[in-house]
Amino acid sequence: MITIYDLAKKTGFSSTTVSKALNNYPDVSKKTKQAIIDTAAEMGYLPNAHAQSLSTKKSWTIGVMFSESNGVGMKHPFFSGVIESFRKHAEKEGYDLILASRNLRNRGTSYLEHFLYRGVDGIMVICSDPKDPQVQEMINSSIPIVVIDMSNQECSVVFSDNLSGGELAINYLYSLGHTKIAHIAGDHTIYAGKIRIKGYMDAMKKRELPVRDGYLVNGGLFSIQDGALAMEKLLDLADPPTAVFVAGDHMAIGAMETAKARGYRIPEDLSIIGYDDIEMASYVTPKLTTIKQDTDQIGVRATQLLMKQIIQKKKIVTEEIIPVTLMERESCTRLIK
């Protein structure tokens, strides 16, 4: 088995320097640290986790929990994208992830109790349900925590600029000549759904555009099926919209399928813009114009905030708002009057 003494002999650094580099101590230069890490990889060095824990007083693990209402979890591209980014950057810092099982609730064990038992150094929560008592229990504990997709909490939170995203979608449709713009919204009890509704309403007000009766439809829990049902309601109106802003790409895809089944051409008869920029958005017909959430940057900032709390051994209360961008494709067109 390769030891730190073998690494010290190979690299020419002291065993103390090698140990500090492998444990990410700040008093080792980046150049030295990289040289040691590269040599460790070449020689197949595997650190003893128990020994590391004893020497650093860390478990080198981070707990990950989902708290969302629709039960989709990591199957949703937004969640999986954030988790993958967080995993990648946490691993660079030497951490492994522990994903909490949903079965914990059935066993009468809270997520906090589970994570404390596992001795995690910090917790990352993806949360669309701000009223979840288990999330609040973790926020109120002393353990370092970062929460994704939720605001107004006494902890570190990271989320997309949903307000600007809603306005960006409406302003884009308005620039194409649309004034009869509807919104298929996510459930208003979910943070992202509520703020995107506000973005839509604010932009419509700024443009002095009326939100006509029936133009704001609850699309539920962001699913394809919910989007399809919501579009049925819009197309049944006596005065249907010429453009629809949909609060999630899955819902937008469902809405597009309903519109096409009803004989509407997209975008000639109806322009549709989504939200998220999931991979599928580039492959549906027509390709979906959407508001892109930067899942990689969300994961990066969440990792950085959690690492800072772990190193400083104190919780940080802050908000990180990640910008969104318009991805212009084929599902919207200029209104021909």
C-alpha atoms as a PDB file:
ATOM      1  CA  MET A   1       0.000   0.000   0.000  1.00  0.00           C
ATOM      2  CA  ILE A   2       1.272   3.472  -0.934  1.00  0.00           C
ATOM      3  CA  THR A   3       1.780   5.751   2.079  1.00  0.00           C
ATOM      4  CA  ILE A   4       2.357   9.491   2.493  1.00  0.00           C
ATOM      5  CA  TYR A   5       6.008   8.640   3.157  1.00  0.00           C
ATOM      6  CA  ASP A   6       6.234   7.075  -0.307  1.00  0.00           C
ATOM      7  CA  LEU A   7       4.700  10.227  -1.743  1.00  0.00           C
ATOM      8  CA  ALA A   8       7.156  12.388   0.218  1.00  0.00           C
ATOM      9  CA  LYS A   9      10.104  10.401  -1.147  1.00  0.00           C
ATOM     10  CA  LYS A  10       8.756  10.596  -4.715  1.00  0.00           C
ATOM     11  CA  THR A  11       7.943  14.322  -4.662  1.00  0.00           C
ATOM     12  CA  GLY A  12      10.797  15.545  -2.507  1.00  0.00           C
ATOM     13  CA  PHE A  13       8.473  17.264  -0.057  1.00  0.00           C
ATOM     14  CA  SER A  14       8.237  16.477   3.639  1.00  0.00           C
ATOM     15  CA  SER A  15       5.592  14.043   4.865  1.00  0.00           C
ATOM     16  CA  THR A  16       3.992  16.943   6.748  1.00  0.00           C
ATOM     17  CA  THR A  17       3.673  18.984   3.542  1.00  0.00           C
ATOM     18  CA  VAL A  18       2.274  15.955   1.709  1.00  0.00           C
ATOM     19  CA  SER A  19      -0.302  15.389   4.461  1.00  0.00           C
ATOM     20  CA  LYS A  20      -1.342  19.042   4.444  1.00  0.00           C
ATOM     21  CA  ALA A  21      -1.651  19.092   0.662  1.00  0.00           C
ATOM     22  CA  LEU A  22      -3.850  15.982   0.633  1.00  0.00           C
ATOM     23  CA  ASN A  23      -6.033  17.470   3.364  1.00  0.00           C
ATOM     24  CA  ASN A  24      -6.375  20.807   1.549  1.00  0.00           C
ATOM     25  CA  TYR A  25      -4.616  22.983   4.146  1.00  0.00           C
ATOM     26  CA  PRO A  26      -4.446  26.660   3.073  1.00  0.00           C
ATOM     27  CA  ASP A  27      -0.734  27.092   3.937  1.00  0.00           C
ATOM     28  CA  VAL A  28       0.378  24.872   1.031  1.00  0.00           C
ATOM     29  CA  SER A  29       0.803  26.644  -2.316  1.00  0.00           C
ATOM     30  CA  LYS A  30      -1.431  25.650  -5.225  1.00  0.00           C
ATOM     31  CA  LYS A  31       1.601  24.566  -7.255  1.00  0.00           C
ATOM     32  CA  THR A  32       2.908  22.302  -4.494  1.00  0.00           C
ATOM     33  CA  LYS A  33      -0.549  20.931  -3.748  1.00  0.00           C
ATOM     34  CA  GLN A  34      -1.168  20.101  -7.407  1.00  0.00           C
ATOM     35  CA  ALA A  35       2.206  18.387  -7.767  1.00  0.00           C
ATOM     36  CA  ILE A  36       1.488  16.194  -4.747  1.00  0.00           C
ATOM     37  CA  ILE A  37      -2.061  15.388  -5.858  1.00  0.00           C
ATOM     38  CA  ASP A  38      -0.853  14.462  -9.354  1.00  0.00           C
ATOM     39  CA  THR A  39       1.834  12.178  -7.927  1.00  0.00           C
ATOM     40  CA  ALA A  40      -0.685  10.582  -5.562  1.00  0.00           C
ATOM     41  CA  ALA A  41      -2.956   9.824  -8.512  1.00  0.00           C
ATOM     42  CA  GLU A  42      -0.059   8.374 -10.542  1.00  0.00           C
ATOM     43  CA  MET A  43       1.027   6.115  -7.674  1.00  0.00           C
ATOM     44  CA  GLY A  44      -2.526   5.021  -6.823  1.00  0.00           C
ATOM     45  CA  TYR A  45      -2.465   6.443  -3.312  1.00  0.00           C
ATOM     46  CA  LEU A  46      -5.695   5.888  -1.361  1.00  0.00           C
ATOM     47  CA  PRO A  47      -5.979   7.789   1.953  1.00  0.00           C
ATOM     48  CA  ASN A  48      -7.354   5.959   4.961  1.00  0.00           C
ATOM     49  CA  ALA A  49     -10.694   7.646   5.641  1.00  0.00           C
ATOM     50  CA  HIS A  50     -10.697   6.807   9.349  1.00  0.00           C
ATOM     51  CA  ALA A  51      -7.172   8.160   9.805  1.00  0.00           C
ATOM     52  CA  GLN A  52      -8.121  11.305   7.907  1.00  0.00           C
ATOM     53  CA  SER A  53     -11.148  11.794  10.124  1.00  0.00           C
ATOM     54  CA  LEU A  54      -9.089  11.453  13.300  1.00  0.00           C
ATOM     55  CA  SER A  55      -6.390  13.859  12.126  1.00  0.00           C
ATOM     56  CA  THR A  56      -8.615  16.549  10.616  1.00  0.00           C
ATOM     57  CA  LYS A  57     -11.713  16.206  12.830  1.00  0.00           C
ATOM     58  CA  LYS A  58     -13.741  15.938   9.633  1.00  0.00           C
ATOM     59  CA  SER A  59     -15.733  13.112   8.067  1.00  0.00           C
ATOM     60  CA  TRP A  60     -15.153  14.505   4.551  1.00  0.00           C
ATOM     61  CA  THR A  61     -18.803  13.858   3.742  1.00  0.00           C
ATOM     62  CA  ILE A  62     -21.691  16.178   2.892  1.00  0.00           C
ATOM     63  CA  GLY A  63     -25.341  15.274   3.322  1.00  0.00           C
ATOM     64  CA  VAL A  64     -27.708  15.955   0.408  1.00  0.00           C
ATOM     65  CA  MET A  65     -31.475  16.145   0.803  1.00  0.00           C
ATOM     66  CA  PHE A  66     -34.401  16.810  -1.540  1.00  0.00           C
ATOM     67  CA  SER A  67     -37.506  18.521  -0.265  1.00  0.00           C
ATOM     68  CA  GLU A  68     -39.873  18.922  -3.180  1.00  0.00           C
ATOM     69  CA  SER A  69     -43.566  18.284  -3.550  1.00  0.00           C
ATOM     70  CA  ASN A  70     -43.858  16.423  -6.847  1.00  0.00           C
ATOM     71  CA  GLY A  71     -41.712  13.399  -6.016  1.00  0.00           C
ATOM     72  CA  VAL A  72     -39.611  13.745  -9.165  1.00  0.00           C
ATOM     73  CA  GLY A  73     -36.297  14.181  -7.361  1.00  0.00           C
ATOM     74  CA  MET A  74     -33.160  13.708  -9.434  1.00  0.00           C
ATOM     75  CA  LYS A  75     -35.181  12.677 -12.485  1.00  0.00           C
ATOM     76  CA  HIS A  76     -35.841  16.372 -13.088  1.00  0.00           C
ATOM     77  CA  PRO A  77     -32.998  17.813 -15.196  1.00  0.00           C
ATOM     78  CA  PHE A  78     -32.724  20.963 -13.060  1.00  0.00           C
ATOM     79  CA  PHE A  79     -32.177  18.980  -9.867  1.00  0.00           C
ATOM     80  CA  SER A  80     -29.812  16.480 -11.481  1.00  0.00           C
ATOM     81  CA  GLY A  81     -27.832  19.309 -13.095  1.00  0.00           C
ATOM     82  CA  VAL A  82     -27.363  21.107  -9.781  1.00  0.00           C
ATOM     83  CA  ILE A  83     -26.443  17.879  -7.975  1.00  0.00           C
ATOM     84  CA  GLU A  84     -23.889  16.930 -10.639  1.00  0.00           C
ATOM     85  CA  SER A  85     -22.250  20.366 -10.474  1.00  0.00           C
ATOM     86  CA  PHE A  86     -22.226  20.290  -6.667  1.00  0.00           C
ATOM     87  CA  ARG A  87     -20.797  16.752  -6.635  1.00  0.00           C
ATOM     88  CA  LYS A  88     -18.049  17.626  -9.082  1.00  0.00           C
ATOM     89  CA  HIS A  89     -16.878  20.687  -7.181  1.00  0.00           C
ATOM     90  CA  ALA A  90     -17.277  19.102  -3.732  1.00  0.00           C
ATOM     91  CA  GLU A  91     -15.125  16.173  -4.837  1.00  0.00           C
ATOM     92  CA  LYS A  92     -12.397  18.615  -5.843  1.00  0.00           C
ATOM     93  CA  GLU A  93     -12.393  19.717  -2.204  1.00  0.00           C
ATOM     94  CA  GLY A  94     -12.057  16.097  -1.065  1.00  0.00           C
ATOM     95  CA  TYR A  95     -15.701  15.465  -0.130  1.00  0.00           C
ATOM     96  CA  ASP A  96     -18.091  12.599  -0.817  1.00  0.00           C
ATOM     97  CA  LEU A  97     -21.873  13.023  -0.872  1.00  0.00           C
ATOM     98  CA  ILE A  98     -24.435  11.106   1.187  1.00  0.00           C
ATOM     99  CA  LEU A  99     -27.939  11.265  -0.286  1.00  0.00           C
ATOM    100  CA  ALA A 100     -30.704  10.900   2.289  1.00  0.00           C
ATOM    101  CA  SER A 101     -33.325   8.254   1.557  1.00  0.00           C
ATOM    102  CA  ARG A 102     -37.011   9.155   1.471  1.00  0.00           C
ATOM    103  CA  ASN A 103     -37.615   6.060   3.631  1.00  0.00           C
ATOM    104  CA  LEU A 104     -36.220   7.947   6.625  1.00  0.00           C
ATOM    105  CA  ARG A 105     -39.626   9.534   7.187  1.00  0.00           C
ATOM    106  CA  ASN A 106     -41.219   6.083   7.405  1.00  0.00           C
ATOM    107  CA  ARG A 107     -38.624   4.963   9.959  1.00  0.00           C
ATOM    108  CA  GLY A 108     -39.368   7.854  12.295  1.00  0.00           C
ATOM    109  CA  THR A 109     -35.908   9.348  11.819  1.00  0.00           C
ATOM    110  CA  SER A 110     -35.464  12.966  10.778  1.00  0.00           C
ATOM    111  CA  TYR A 111     -33.005  13.951   8.085  1.00  0.00           C
ATOM    112  CA  LEU A 112     -31.054  15.984  10.624  1.00  0.00           C
ATOM    113  CA  GLU A 113     -30.775  12.982  12.964  1.00  0.00           C
ATOM    114  CA  HIS A 114     -29.594  10.836  10.063  1.00  0.00           C
ATOM    115  CA  PHE A 115     -26.950  13.325   8.989  1.00  0.00           C
ATOM    116  CA  LEU A 116     -25.729  13.851  12.556  1.00  0.00           C
ATOM    117  CA  TYR A 117     -25.458  10.077  12.971  1.00  0.00           C
ATOM    118  CA  ARG A 118     -23.413   9.878   9.779  1.00  0.00           C
ATOM    119  CA  GLY A 119     -21.214  12.721  11.042  1.00  0.00           C
ATOM    120  CA  VAL A 120     -21.454  14.879   7.913  1.00  0.00           C
ATOM    121  CA  ASP A 121     -19.485  18.130   7.843  1.00  0.00           C
ATOM    122  CA  GLY A 122     -22.280  20.040   6.134  1.00  0.00           C
ATOM    123  CA  ILE A 123     -25.645  19.714   4.391  1.00  0.00           C
ATOM    124  CA  MET A 124     -26.934  20.784   0.979  1.00  0.00           C
ATOM    125  CA  VAL A 125     -30.705  20.929   0.517  1.00  0.00           C
ATOM    126  CA  ILE A 126     -32.625  21.329  -2.721  1.00  0.00           C
ATOM    127  CA  CYS A 127     -35.945  22.689  -1.589  1.00  0.00           C
ATOM    128  CA  SER A 128     -39.121  23.773  -3.324  1.00  0.00           C
ATOM    129  CA  ASP A 129     -41.195  23.395  -0.156  1.00  0.00           C
ATOM    130  CA  PRO A 130     -40.319  26.210   2.297  1.00  0.00           C
ATOM    131  CA  LYS A 131     -42.811  24.881   4.855  1.00  0.00           C
ATOM    132  CA  ASP A 132     -41.127  21.498   5.213  1.00  0.00           C
ATOM    133  CA  PRO A 133     -40.460  21.170   8.981  1.00  0.00           C
ATOM    134  CA  GLN A 134     -37.489  18.879   8.336  1.00  0.00           C
ATOM    135  CA  VAL A 135     -35.774  21.599   6.316  1.00  0.00           C
ATOM    136  CA  GLN A 136     -36.474  24.152   9.026  1.00  0.00           C
ATOM    137  CA  GLU A 137     -35.021  21.774  11.630  1.00  0.00           C
ATOM    138  CA  MET A 138     -31.755  21.603   9.704  1.00  0.00           C
ATOM    139  CA  ILE A 139     -31.660  25.362   9.120  1.00  0.00           C
ATOM    140  CA  ASN A 140     -32.114  25.937  12.864  1.00  0.00           C
ATOM    141  CA  SER A 141     -29.334  23.491  13.797  1.00  0.00           C
ATOM    142  CA  SER A 142     -25.668  24.426  14.195  1.00  0.00           C
ATOM    143  CA  ILE A 143     -24.468  22.359  11.242  1.00  0.00           C
ATOM    144  CA  PRO A 144     -23.255  24.265   8.136  1.00  0.00           C
ATOM    145  CA  ILE A 145     -25.980  24.281   5.479  1.00  0.00           C
ATOM    146  CA  VAL A 146     -26.738  25.686   2.040  1.00  0.00           C
ATOM    147  CA  VAL A 147     -30.233  25.620   0.535  1.00  0.00           C
ATOM    148  CA  ILE A 148     -30.954  25.656  -3.208  1.00  0.00           C
ATOM    149  CA  ASP A 149     -34.064  27.223  -4.748  1.00  0.00           C
ATOM    150  CA  MET A 150     -35.472  28.913  -1.662  1.00  0.00           C
ATOM    151  CA  SER A 151     -35.208  32.441  -0.271  1.00  0.00           C
ATOM    152  CA  ASN A 152     -35.793  34.366   2.951  1.00  0.00           C
ATOM    153  CA  GLN A 153     -34.092  31.905   5.285  1.00  0.00           C
ATOM    154  CA  GLU A 154     -31.616  32.278   8.148  1.00  0.00           C
ATOM    155  CA  CYS A 155     -28.893  30.412   6.292  1.00  0.00           C
ATOM    156  CA  SER A 156     -26.965  30.426   3.010  1.00  0.00           C
ATOM    157  CA  VAL A 157     -29.279  30.156   0.011  1.00  0.00           C
ATOM    158  CA  VAL A 158     -28.569  29.977  -3.728  1.00  0.00           C
ATOM    159  CA  PHE A 159     -31.237  30.398  -6.386  1.00  0.00           C
ATOM    160  CA  SER A 160     -31.807  31.571  -9.942  1.00  0.00           C
ATOM    161  CA  ASP A 161     -33.024  35.087 -10.637  1.00  0.00           C
ATOM    162  CA  ASN A 162     -36.603  33.917 -11.164  1.00  0.00           C
ATOM    163  CA  LEU A 163     -37.999  37.443 -11.008  1.00  0.00           C
ATOM    164  CA  SER A 164     -35.809  38.690 -13.858  1.00  0.00           C
ATOM    165  CA  GLY A 165     -36.440  35.424 -15.709  1.00  0.00           C
ATOM    166  CA  GLY A 166     -40.176  36.053 -15.782  1.00  0.00           C
ATOM    167  CA  GLU A 167     -39.658  39.613 -16.961  1.00  0.00           C
ATOM    168  CA  LEU A 168     -37.134  38.489 -19.576  1.00  0.00           C
ATOM    169  CA  ALA A 169     -39.669  36.069 -21.071  1.00  0.00           C
ATOM    170  CA  ILE A 170     -42.443  38.675 -21.277  1.00  0.00           C
ATOM    171  CA  ASN A 171     -40.173  41.390 -22.646  1.00  0.00           C
ATOM    172  CA  TYR A 172     -38.979  39.011 -25.371  1.00  0.00           C
ATOM    173  CA  LEU A 173     -42.537  38.110 -26.403  1.00  0.00           C
ATOM    174  CA  TYR A 174     -43.504  41.796 -26.340  1.00  0.00           C
ATOM    175  CA  SER A 175     -40.544  42.614 -28.610  1.00  0.00           C
ATOM    176  CA  LEU A 176     -42.063  40.186 -31.120  1.00  0.00           C
ATOM    177  CA  GLY A 177     -45.309  42.151 -31.099  1.00  0.00           C
ATOM    178  CA  HIS A 178     -47.307  40.009 -28.678  1.00  0.00           C
ATOM    179  CA  THR A 179     -49.669  41.702 -26.228  1.00  0.00           C
ATOM    180  CA  LYS A 180     -52.061  38.813 -25.494  1.00  0.00           C
ATOM    181  CA  ILE A 181     -49.598  36.876 -23.343  1.00  0.00           C
ATOM    182  CA  ALA A 182     -50.696  34.134 -20.939  1.00  0.00           C
ATOM    183  CA  HIS A 183     -48.743  32.383 -18.205  1.00  0.00           C
ATOM    184  CA  ILE A 184     -48.839  28.704 -17.290  1.00  0.00           C
ATOM    185  CA  ALA A 185     -47.497  28.988 -13.766  1.00  0.00           C
ATOM    186  CA  GLY A 186     -45.909  26.551 -11.388  1.00  0.00           C
ATOM    187  CA  ASP A 187     -47.723  26.013  -8.107  1.00  0.00           C
ATOM    188  CA  HIS A 188     -47.662  29.343  -6.234  1.00  0.00           C
ATOM    189  CA  THR A 189     -46.825  27.617  -2.932  1.00  0.00           C
ATOM    190  CA  ILE A 190     -43.452  26.637  -4.441  1.00  0.00           C
ATOM    191  CA  TYR A 191     -40.865  29.411  -4.307  1.00  0.00           C
ATOM    192  CA  ALA A 192     -39.856  29.274  -7.977  1.00  0.00           C
ATOM    193  CA  GLY A 193     -43.482  29.182  -9.130  1.00  0.00           C
ATOM    194  CA  LYS A 194     -44.445  32.156  -6.967  1.00  0.00           C
ATOM    195  CA  ILE A 195     -41.563  34.370  -8.060  1.00  0.00           C
ATOM    196  CA  ARG A 196     -41.968  33.573 -11.770  1.00  0.00           C
ATOM    197  CA  ILE A 197     -45.619  34.596 -11.462  1.00  0.00           C
ATOM    198  CA  LYS A 198     -44.466  37.889  -9.956  1.00  0.00           C
ATOM    199  CA  GLY A 199     -41.980  38.348 -12.806  1.00  0.00           C
ATOM    200  CA  TYR A 200     -44.794  37.829 -15.311  1.00  0.00           C
ATOM    201  CA  MET A 201     -47.176  40.204 -13.520  1.00  0.00           C
ATOM    202  CA  ASP A 202     -44.533  42.902 -13.033  1.00  0.00           C
ATOM    203  CA  ALA A 203     -43.487  42.814 -16.686  1.00  0.00           C
ATOM    204  CA  MET A 204     -47.085  42.920 -17.914  1.00  0.00           C
ATOM    205  CA  LYS A 205     -47.725  45.931 -15.671  1.00  0.00           C
ATOM    206  CA  LYS A 206     -44.587  47.744 -16.851  1.00  0.00           C
ATOM    207  CA  ARG A 207     -45.640  47.232 -20.456  1.00  0.00           C
ATOM    208  CA  GLU A 208     -49.212  48.318 -19.571  1.00  0.00           C
ATOM    209  CA  LEU A 209     -50.519  44.996 -20.848  1.00  0.00           C
ATOM    210  CA  PRO A 210     -53.714  43.591 -19.339  1.00  0.00           C
ATOM    211  CA  VAL A 211     -53.685  40.140 -17.764  1.00  0.00           C
ATOM    212  CA  ARG A 212     -56.944  38.981 -19.314  1.00  0.00           C
ATOM    213  CA  ASP A 213     -59.408  36.685 -17.583  1.00  0.00           C
ATOM    214  CA  GLY A 214     -58.139  33.114 -17.669  1.00  0.00           C
ATOM    215  CA  TYR A 215     -54.637  34.057 -18.823  1.00  0.00           C
ATOM    216  CA  LEU A 216     -52.958  33.037 -15.549  1.00  0.00           C
ATOM    217  CA  VAL A 217     -53.306  29.266 -15.223  1.00  0.00           C
ATOM    218  CA  ASN A 218     -51.989  27.081 -12.390  1.00  0.00           C
ATOM    219  CA  GLY A 219     -49.799  24.450 -14.051  1.00  0.00           C
ATOM    220  CA  GLY A 220     -49.376  22.499 -10.821  1.00  0.00           C
ATOM    221  CA  LEU A 221     -46.133  20.680 -10.115  1.00  0.00           C
ATOM    222  CA  PHE A 222     -44.183  21.474 -13.291  1.00  0.00           C
ATOM    223  CA  SER A 223     -44.956  18.179 -15.101  1.00  0.00           C
ATOM    224  CA  ILE A 224     -45.614  17.511 -18.793  1.00  0.00           C
ATOM    225  CA  GLN A 225     -49.147  16.404 -17.931  1.00  0.00           C
ATOM    226  CA  ASP A 226     -49.845  19.572 -15.932  1.00  0.00           C
ATOM    227  CA  GLY A 227     -48.651  21.705 -18.836  1.00  0.00           C
ATOM    228  CA  ALA A 228     -50.888  19.847 -21.266  1.00  0.00           C
ATOM    229  CA  LEU A 229     -53.970  20.320 -19.074  1.00  0.00           C
ATOM    230  CA  ALA A 230     -53.204  24.014 -18.518  1.00  0.00           C
ATOM    231  CA  MET A 231     -52.905  24.634 -22.252  1.00  0.00           C
ATOM    232  CA  GLU A 232     -56.339  23.029 -22.777  1.00  0.00           C
ATOM    233  CA  LYS A 233     -57.798  25.701 -20.489  1.00  0.00           C
ATOM    234  CA  LEU A 234     -56.095  28.513 -22.406  1.00  0.00           C
ATOM    235  CA  LEU A 235     -57.210  27.254 -25.804  1.00  0.00           C
ATOM    236  CA  ASP A 236     -60.799  26.880 -24.566  1.00  0.00           C
ATOM    237  CA  LEU A 237     -60.995  30.624 -23.842  1.00  0.00           C
ATOM    238  CA  ALA A 238     -63.182  32.772 -26.062  1.00  0.00           C
ATOM    239  CA  ASP A 239     -60.152  34.997 -26.700  1.00  0.00           C
ATOM    240  CA  PRO A 240     -57.057  32.736 -26.494  1.00  0.00           C
ATOM    241  CA  PRO A 241     -53.538  34.210 -26.237  1.00  0.00           C
ATOM    242  CA  THR A 242     -51.070  34.551 -29.105  1.00  0.00           C
ATOM    243  CA  ALA A 243     -48.139  33.745 -26.811  1.00  0.00           C
ATOM    244  CA  VAL A 244     -47.625  31.744 -23.599  1.00  0.00           C
ATOM    245  CA  PHE A 245     -44.856  31.946 -21.025  1.00  0.00           C
ATOM    246  CA  VAL A 246     -44.591  28.565 -19.287  1.00  0.00           C
ATOM    247  CA  ALA A 247     -42.818  28.336 -15.908  1.00  0.00           C
ATOM    248  CA  GLY A 248     -40.967  25.082 -16.704  1.00  0.00           C
ATOM    249  CA  ASP A 249     -39.744  23.262 -19.809  1.00  0.00           C
ATOM    250  CA  HIS A 250     -41.541  20.029 -18.936  1.00  0.00           C
ATOM    251  CA  MET A 251     -44.818  21.951 -18.729  1.00  0.00           C
ATOM    252  CA  ALA A 252     -43.953  23.793 -21.949  1.00  0.00           C
ATOM    253  CA  ILE A 253     -43.441  20.513 -23.812  1.00  0.00           C
ATOM    254  CA  GLY A 254     -46.825  19.277 -22.586  1.00  0.00           C
ATOM    255  CA  ALA A 255     -48.399  22.584 -23.601  1.00  0.00           C
ATOM    256  CA  MET A 256     -46.873  22.374 -27.074  1.00  0.00           C
ATOM    257  CA  GLU A 257     -48.206  18.844 -27.608  1.00  0.00           C
ATOM    258  CA  THR A 258     -51.720  19.924 -26.616  1.00  0.00           C
ATOM    259  CA  ALA A 259     -51.606  22.943 -28.919  1.00  0.00           C
ATOM    260  CA  LYS A 260     -50.422  20.837 -31.865  1.00  0.00           C
ATOM    261  CA  ALA A 261     -53.120  18.236 -31.173  1.00  0.00           C
ATOM    262  CA  ARG A 262     -55.692  21.045 -31.288  1.00  0.00           C
ATOM    263  CA  GLY A 263     -54.468  22.096 -34.724  1.00  0.00           C
ATOM    264  CA  TYR A 264     -52.264  25.028 -33.712  1.00  0.00           C
ATOM    265  CA  ARG A 265     -48.990  25.568 -35.525  1.00  0.00           C
ATOM    266  CA  ILE A 266     -46.072  26.571 -33.332  1.00  0.00           C
ATOM    267  CA  PRO A 267     -44.867  29.279 -33.618  1.00  0.00           C
ATOM    268  CA  GLU A 268     -47.045  30.494 -36.557  1.00  0.00           C
ATOM    269  CA  ASP A 269     -50.307  30.388 -34.569  1.00  0.00           C
ATOM    270  CA  LEU A 270     -48.964  30.356 -31.024  1.00  0.00           C
ATOM    271  CA  SER A 271     -45.586  31.308 -29.545  1.00  0.00           C
ATOM    272  CA  ILE A 272     -44.395  29.361 -26.487  1.00  0.00           C
ATOM    273  CA  ILE A 273     -41.425  30.106 -24.221  1.00  0.00           C
ATOM    274  CA  GLY A 274     -40.326  27.806 -21.401  1.00  0.00           C
ATOM    275  CA  TYR A 275     -38.066  27.978 -18.356  1.00  0.00           C
ATOM    276  CA  ASP A 276     -35.055  25.854 -17.310  1.00  0.00           C
ATOM    277  CA  ASP A 277     -33.308  24.960 -20.599  1.00  0.00           C
ATOM    278  CA  ILE A 278     -33.354  21.219 -20.044  1.00  0.00           C
ATOM    279  CA  GLU A 279     -31.516  19.118 -22.625  1.00  0.00           C
ATOM    280  CA  MET A 280     -34.787  17.982 -24.213  1.00  0.00           C
ATOM    281  CA  ALA A 281     -35.612  21.605 -25.117  1.00  0.00           C
ATOM    282  CA  SER A 282     -33.162  21.425 -28.022  1.00  0.00           C
ATOM    283  CA  TYR A 283     -34.676  18.213 -29.421  1.00  0.00           C
ATOM    284  CA  VAL A 284     -38.441  18.780 -29.408  1.00  0.00           C
ATOM    285  CA  THR A 285     -40.145  20.101 -32.554  1.00  0.00           C
ATOM    286  CA  PRO A 286     -40.005  23.022 -32.798  1.00  0.00           C
ATOM    287  CA  LYS A 287     -36.922  23.558 -30.641  1.00  0.00           C
ATOM    288  CA  LEU A 288     -38.037  25.317 -27.474  1.00  0.00           C
ATOM    289  CA  THR A 289     -37.119  28.924 -26.765  1.00  0.00           C
ATOM    290  CA  THR A 290     -36.592  29.121 -23.011  1.00  0.00           C
ATOM    291  CA  ILE A 291     -35.030  30.889 -20.040  1.00  0.00           C
ATOM    292  CA  LYS A 292     -31.849  29.080 -19.015  1.00  0.00           C
ATOM    293  CA  GLN A 293     -31.035  28.369 -15.380  1.00  0.00           C
ATOM    294  CA  ASP A 294     -27.275  28.020 -14.877  1.00  0.00           C
ATOM    295  CA  THR A 295     -27.199  24.751 -12.919  1.00  0.00           C
ATOM    296  CA  ASP A 296     -23.401  24.597 -13.030  1.00  0.00           C
ATOM    297  CA  GLN A 297     -22.986  28.024 -11.440  1.00  0.00           C
ATOM    298  CA  ILE A 298     -25.633  27.231  -8.823  1.00  0.00           C
ATOM    299  CA  GLY A 299     -23.649  24.127  -7.875  1.00  0.00           C
ATOM    300  CA  VAL A 300     -20.370  26.059  -7.804  1.00  0.00           C
ATOM    301  CA  ARG A 301     -21.655  28.816  -5.531  1.00  0.00           C
ATOM    302  CA  ALA A 302     -23.411  26.326  -3.249  1.00  0.00           C
ATOM    303  CA  THR A 303     -20.156  24.390  -2.873  1.00  0.00           C
ATOM    304  CA  GLN A 304     -18.147  27.532  -2.182  1.00  0.00           C
ATOM    305  CA  LEU A 305     -20.581  28.775   0.450  1.00  0.00           C
ATOM    306  CA  LEU A 306     -20.679  25.433   2.229  1.00  0.00           C
ATOM    307  CA  MET A 307     -16.876  25.034   2.160  1.00  0.00           C
ATOM    308  CA  LYS A 308     -16.473  28.514   3.624  1.00  0.00           C
ATOM    309  CA  GLN A 309     -18.788  27.654   6.525  1.00  0.00           C
ATOM    310  CA  ILE A 310     -17.031  24.336   7.178  1.00  0.00           C
ATOM    311  CA  ILE A 311     -13.591  25.990   7.221  1.00  0.00           C
ATOM    312  CA  GLN A 312     -14.702  28.940   9.367  1.00  0.00           C
ATOM    313  CA  LYS A 313     -16.763  26.630  11.610  1.00  0.00           C
ATOM    314  CA  LYS A 314     -19.731  28.979  11.594  1.00  0.00           C
ATOM    315  CA  LYS A 315     -22.938  29.404   9.644  1.00  0.00           C
ATOM    316  CA  ILE A 316     -23.247  32.205   7.105  1.00  0.00           C
ATOM    317  CA  VAL A 317     -26.551  33.938   6.353  1.00  0.00           C
ATOM    318  CA  THR A 318     -26.484  35.167   2.753  1.00  0.00           C
ATOM    319  CA  GLU A 319     -28.314  35.032  -0.580  1.00  0.00           C
ATOM    320  CA  GLU A 320     -26.631  34.250  -3.887  1.00  0.00           C
ATOM    321  CA  ILE A 321     -28.820  35.065  -6.905  1.00  0.00           C
ATOM    322  CA  ILE A 322     -27.614  33.438 -10.139  1.00  0.00           C
ATOM    323  CA  PRO A 323     -28.446  35.266 -13.419  1.00  0.00           C
ATOM    324  CA  VAL A 324     -30.585  33.614 -16.094  1.00  0.00           C
ATOM    325  CA  THR A 325     -30.344  33.978 -19.872  1.00  0.00           C
ATOM    326  CA  LEU A 326     -32.672  33.763 -22.862  1.00  0.00           C
ATOM    327  CA  MET A 327     -32.094  30.807 -25.184  1.00  0.00           C
ATOM    328  CA  GLU A 328     -33.675  31.822 -28.483  1.00  0.00           C
ATOM    329  CA  ARG A 329     -34.722  28.867 -30.654  1.00  0.00           C
ATOM    330  CA  GLU A 330     -37.776  28.110 -32.816  1.00  0.00           C
ATOM    331  CA  SER A 331     -40.944  28.142 -30.700  1.00  0.00           C
ATOM    332  CA  CYS A 332     -41.562  31.906 -30.796  1.00  0.00           C
ATOM    333  CA  THR A 333     -42.081  34.201 -33.773  1.00  0.00           C
ATOM    334  CA  ARG A 334     -43.004  37.769 -34.560  1.00  0.00           C
ATOM    335  CA  LEU A 335     -46.752  38.396 -34.512  1.00  0.00           C
ATOM    336  CA  ILE A 336     -48.086  39.232 -37.968  1.00  0.00           C
ATOM    337  CA  LYS A 337     -51.019  41.596 -37.637  1.00  0.00           C
END
